[in-house]
């Protein structure tokens, strides 16, 4: 399904950064949600992600991921989620978080 094209200005309004997951735990009372604490260099943020059906919390700690940092915060199951991690979903049951292929500092800007 193709979405409408965006222009360069639209893309420049998206702030993508490298984040390192420092803590991950299942959210009680849910099957799919994980609470993540992510180091973004100069700050840490909480993210809520629907990854519990695909990853165990302990396998996420230490992973360097791509985070959309300027998404408006939302409260999910009582937890303030301050961004969104990027992941690929093949529609057939496989989900993969997007990571970087080199050791790069948390907070590094994606461009």
C-alpha atoms as a PDB file:
ATOM      1  CA  UNK A   1       0.000   0.000   0.000  1.00  0.00           C
ATOM      2  CA  UNK A   2       1.599   3.219  -1.150  1.00  0.00           C
ATOM      3  CA  UNK A   3       1.256   6.288   1.036  1.00  0.00           C
ATOM      4  CA  UNK A   4       1.250   9.837  -0.333  1.00  0.00           C
ATOM      5  CA  UNK A   5       4.663  11.218  -1.214  1.00  0.00           C
ATOM      6  CA  UNK A   6       6.196  13.733   1.157  1.00  0.00           C
ATOM      7  CA  UNK A   7       8.563  16.517   0.246  1.00  0.00           C
ATOM      8  CA  UNK A   8      12.051  17.168   1.600  1.00  0.00           C
ATOM      9  CA  UNK A   9      10.721  19.729   4.086  1.00  0.00           C
ATOM     10  CA  UNK A  10       8.371  17.111   5.563  1.00  0.00           C
ATOM     11  CA  UNK A  11      11.279  14.690   5.968  1.00  0.00           C
ATOM     12  CA  UNK A  12      13.465  17.366   7.575  1.00  0.00           C
ATOM     13  CA  UNK A  13      10.838  17.715  10.321  1.00  0.00           C
ATOM     14  CA  UNK A  14      11.438  14.114  11.422  1.00  0.00           C
ATOM     15  CA  UNK A  15      14.072  13.680  14.139  1.00  0.00           C
ATOM     16  CA  UNK A  16      15.509  10.162  14.002  1.00  0.00           C
ATOM     17  CA  UNK A  17      18.273   9.287  16.458  1.00  0.00           C
ATOM     18  CA  UNK A  18      20.289   6.268  17.544  1.00  0.00           C
ATOM     19  CA  UNK A  19      19.143   5.035  20.941  1.00  0.00           C
ATOM     20  CA  UNK A  20      20.573   2.293  23.139  1.00  0.00           C
ATOM     21  CA  UNK A  21      18.102   0.188  25.086  1.00  0.00           C
ATOM     22  CA  UNK A  22      19.258   0.177  28.720  1.00  0.00           C
ATOM     23  CA  UNK A  23      16.211  -1.474  30.289  1.00  0.00           C
ATOM     24  CA  UNK A  24      13.298  -3.565  29.001  1.00  0.00           C
ATOM     25  CA  UNK A  25      10.433  -5.239  30.822  1.00  0.00           C
ATOM     26  CA  UNK A  26       7.015  -6.668  30.059  1.00  0.00           C
ATOM     27  CA  UNK A  27       4.067  -4.494  30.990  1.00  0.00           C
ATOM     28  CA  UNK A  28       1.812  -6.347  33.432  1.00  0.00           C
ATOM     29  CA  UNK A  29      -1.667  -7.097  32.178  1.00  0.00           C
ATOM     30  CA  UNK A  30      -0.665  -6.988  28.495  1.00  0.00           C
ATOM     31  CA  UNK A  31       0.490  -9.675  26.087  1.00  0.00           C
ATOM     32  CA  UNK A  32       2.275  -7.545  23.523  1.00  0.00           C
ATOM     33  CA  UNK A  33       3.706  -4.476  25.255  1.00  0.00           C
ATOM     34  CA  UNK A  34       7.197  -3.827  26.577  1.00  0.00           C
ATOM     35  CA  UNK A  35       8.378  -0.811  28.552  1.00  0.00           C
ATOM     36  CA  UNK A  36      11.795   0.303  27.336  1.00  0.00           C
ATOM     37  CA  UNK A  37      14.264   2.801  28.772  1.00  0.00           C
ATOM     38  CA  UNK A  38      16.413   4.224  25.981  1.00  0.00           C
ATOM     39  CA  UNK A  39      19.658   6.228  26.193  1.00  0.00           C
ATOM     40  CA  UNK A  40      19.627   9.009  23.584  1.00  0.00           C
ATOM     41  CA  UNK A  41      23.006  10.476  24.495  1.00  0.00           C
ATOM     42  CA  UNK A  42      22.138  13.581  26.499  1.00  0.00           C
ATOM     43  CA  UNK A  43      18.925  12.085  27.930  1.00  0.00           C
ATOM     44  CA  UNK A  44      17.050   8.864  28.584  1.00  0.00           C
ATOM     45  CA  UNK A  45      13.446   8.314  27.564  1.00  0.00           C
ATOM     46  CA  UNK A  46      10.701   5.771  28.103  1.00  0.00           C
ATOM     47  CA  UNK A  47       9.172   4.027  25.106  1.00  0.00           C
ATOM     48  CA  UNK A  48       6.264   1.603  24.994  1.00  0.00           C
ATOM     49  CA  UNK A  49       6.590  -0.890  22.157  1.00  0.00           C
ATOM     50  CA  UNK A  50       4.434  -3.785  20.960  1.00  0.00           C
ATOM     51  CA  UNK A  51       7.337  -6.217  20.768  1.00  0.00           C
ATOM     52  CA  UNK A  52       6.642  -8.769  23.519  1.00  0.00           C
ATOM     53  CA  UNK A  53       5.397 -11.350  20.990  1.00  0.00           C
ATOM     54  CA  UNK A  54       8.696 -11.129  19.085  1.00  0.00           C
ATOM     55  CA  UNK A  55      11.439 -10.377  21.637  1.00  0.00           C
ATOM     56  CA  UNK A  56      12.248 -11.275  25.212  1.00  0.00           C
ATOM     57  CA  UNK A  57      13.115  -8.164  27.226  1.00  0.00           C
ATOM     58  CA  UNK A  58      16.626  -9.369  28.052  1.00  0.00           C
ATOM     59  CA  UNK A  59      17.571  -9.804  24.383  1.00  0.00           C
ATOM     60  CA  UNK A  60      16.821  -6.118  23.690  1.00  0.00           C
ATOM     61  CA  UNK A  61      19.062  -4.610  26.367  1.00  0.00           C
ATOM     62  CA  UNK A  62      22.205  -3.190  24.755  1.00  0.00           C
ATOM     63  CA  UNK A  63      20.733  -3.008  21.245  1.00  0.00           C
ATOM     64  CA  UNK A  64      21.214   0.246  19.370  1.00  0.00           C
ATOM     65  CA  UNK A  65      17.958   1.124  17.668  1.00  0.00           C
ATOM     66  CA  UNK A  66      16.454   3.903  15.559  1.00  0.00           C
ATOM     67  CA  UNK A  67      14.084   6.183  17.488  1.00  0.00           C
ATOM     68  CA  UNK A  68      11.666   8.806  16.226  1.00  0.00           C
ATOM     69  CA  UNK A  69      12.297  11.365  18.965  1.00  0.00           C
ATOM     70  CA  UNK A  70       9.942  14.197  18.056  1.00  0.00           C
ATOM     71  CA  UNK A  71       6.734  12.184  18.112  1.00  0.00           C
ATOM     72  CA  UNK A  72       4.187  13.725  20.476  1.00  0.00           C
ATOM     73  CA  UNK A  73       4.286  11.768  23.786  1.00  0.00           C
ATOM     74  CA  UNK A  74       1.403   9.401  24.544  1.00  0.00           C
ATOM     75  CA  UNK A  75       0.412   7.621  27.737  1.00  0.00           C
ATOM     76  CA  UNK A  76      -0.045   3.899  27.138  1.00  0.00           C
ATOM     77  CA  UNK A  77      -1.181   1.658  30.003  1.00  0.00           C
ATOM     78  CA  UNK A  78      -0.163   4.377  32.445  1.00  0.00           C
ATOM     79  CA  UNK A  79       3.345   4.762  31.011  1.00  0.00           C
ATOM     80  CA  UNK A  80       4.399   7.920  29.181  1.00  0.00           C
ATOM     81  CA  UNK A  81       5.910   6.893  25.841  1.00  0.00           C
ATOM     82  CA  UNK A  82       8.297   9.593  24.600  1.00  0.00           C
ATOM     83  CA  UNK A  83       9.037   8.466  21.047  1.00  0.00           C
ATOM     84  CA  UNK A  84       8.782   5.428  18.817  1.00  0.00           C
ATOM     85  CA  UNK A  85      11.314   2.833  17.778  1.00  0.00           C
ATOM     86  CA  UNK A  86      11.374   1.750  14.156  1.00  0.00           C
ATOM     87  CA  UNK A  87      10.731  -1.874  13.213  1.00  0.00           C
ATOM     88  CA  UNK A  88       9.941  -3.829  10.062  1.00  0.00           C
ATOM     89  CA  UNK A  89       6.932  -6.152   9.860  1.00  0.00           C
ATOM     90  CA  UNK A  90       6.671  -8.563   6.925  1.00  0.00           C
ATOM     91  CA  UNK A  91       2.962  -9.189   7.587  1.00  0.00           C
ATOM     92  CA  UNK A  92       3.665 -12.900   8.012  1.00  0.00           C
ATOM     93  CA  UNK A  93       4.638 -12.935  11.676  1.00  0.00           C
ATOM     94  CA  UNK A  94       8.197 -11.678  11.515  1.00  0.00           C
ATOM     95  CA  UNK A  95       9.050  -8.364  13.152  1.00  0.00           C
ATOM     96  CA  UNK A  96      12.582  -6.963  13.268  1.00  0.00           C
ATOM     97  CA  UNK A  97      13.730  -3.830  15.060  1.00  0.00           C
ATOM     98  CA  UNK A  98      15.921  -1.517  12.981  1.00  0.00           C
ATOM     99  CA  UNK A  99      19.475  -1.321  14.299  1.00  0.00           C
ATOM    100  CA  UNK A 100      22.739   0.266  13.221  1.00  0.00           C
ATOM    101  CA  UNK A 101      25.553  -1.816  11.746  1.00  0.00           C
ATOM    102  CA  UNK A 102      28.446  -0.019  13.472  1.00  0.00           C
ATOM    103  CA  UNK A 103      29.200   1.054  17.037  1.00  0.00           C
ATOM    104  CA  UNK A 104      27.879   4.603  16.995  1.00  0.00           C
ATOM    105  CA  UNK A 105      27.107   6.841  19.960  1.00  0.00           C
ATOM    106  CA  UNK A 106      23.570   7.056  21.334  1.00  0.00           C
ATOM    107  CA  UNK A 107      21.971  10.324  20.247  1.00  0.00           C
ATOM    108  CA  UNK A 108      23.614  10.286  16.820  1.00  0.00           C
ATOM    109  CA  UNK A 109      21.302  11.872  14.246  1.00  0.00           C
ATOM    110  CA  UNK A 110      19.981   9.776  11.360  1.00  0.00           C
ATOM    111  CA  UNK A 111      20.072  11.670   8.103  1.00  0.00           C
END
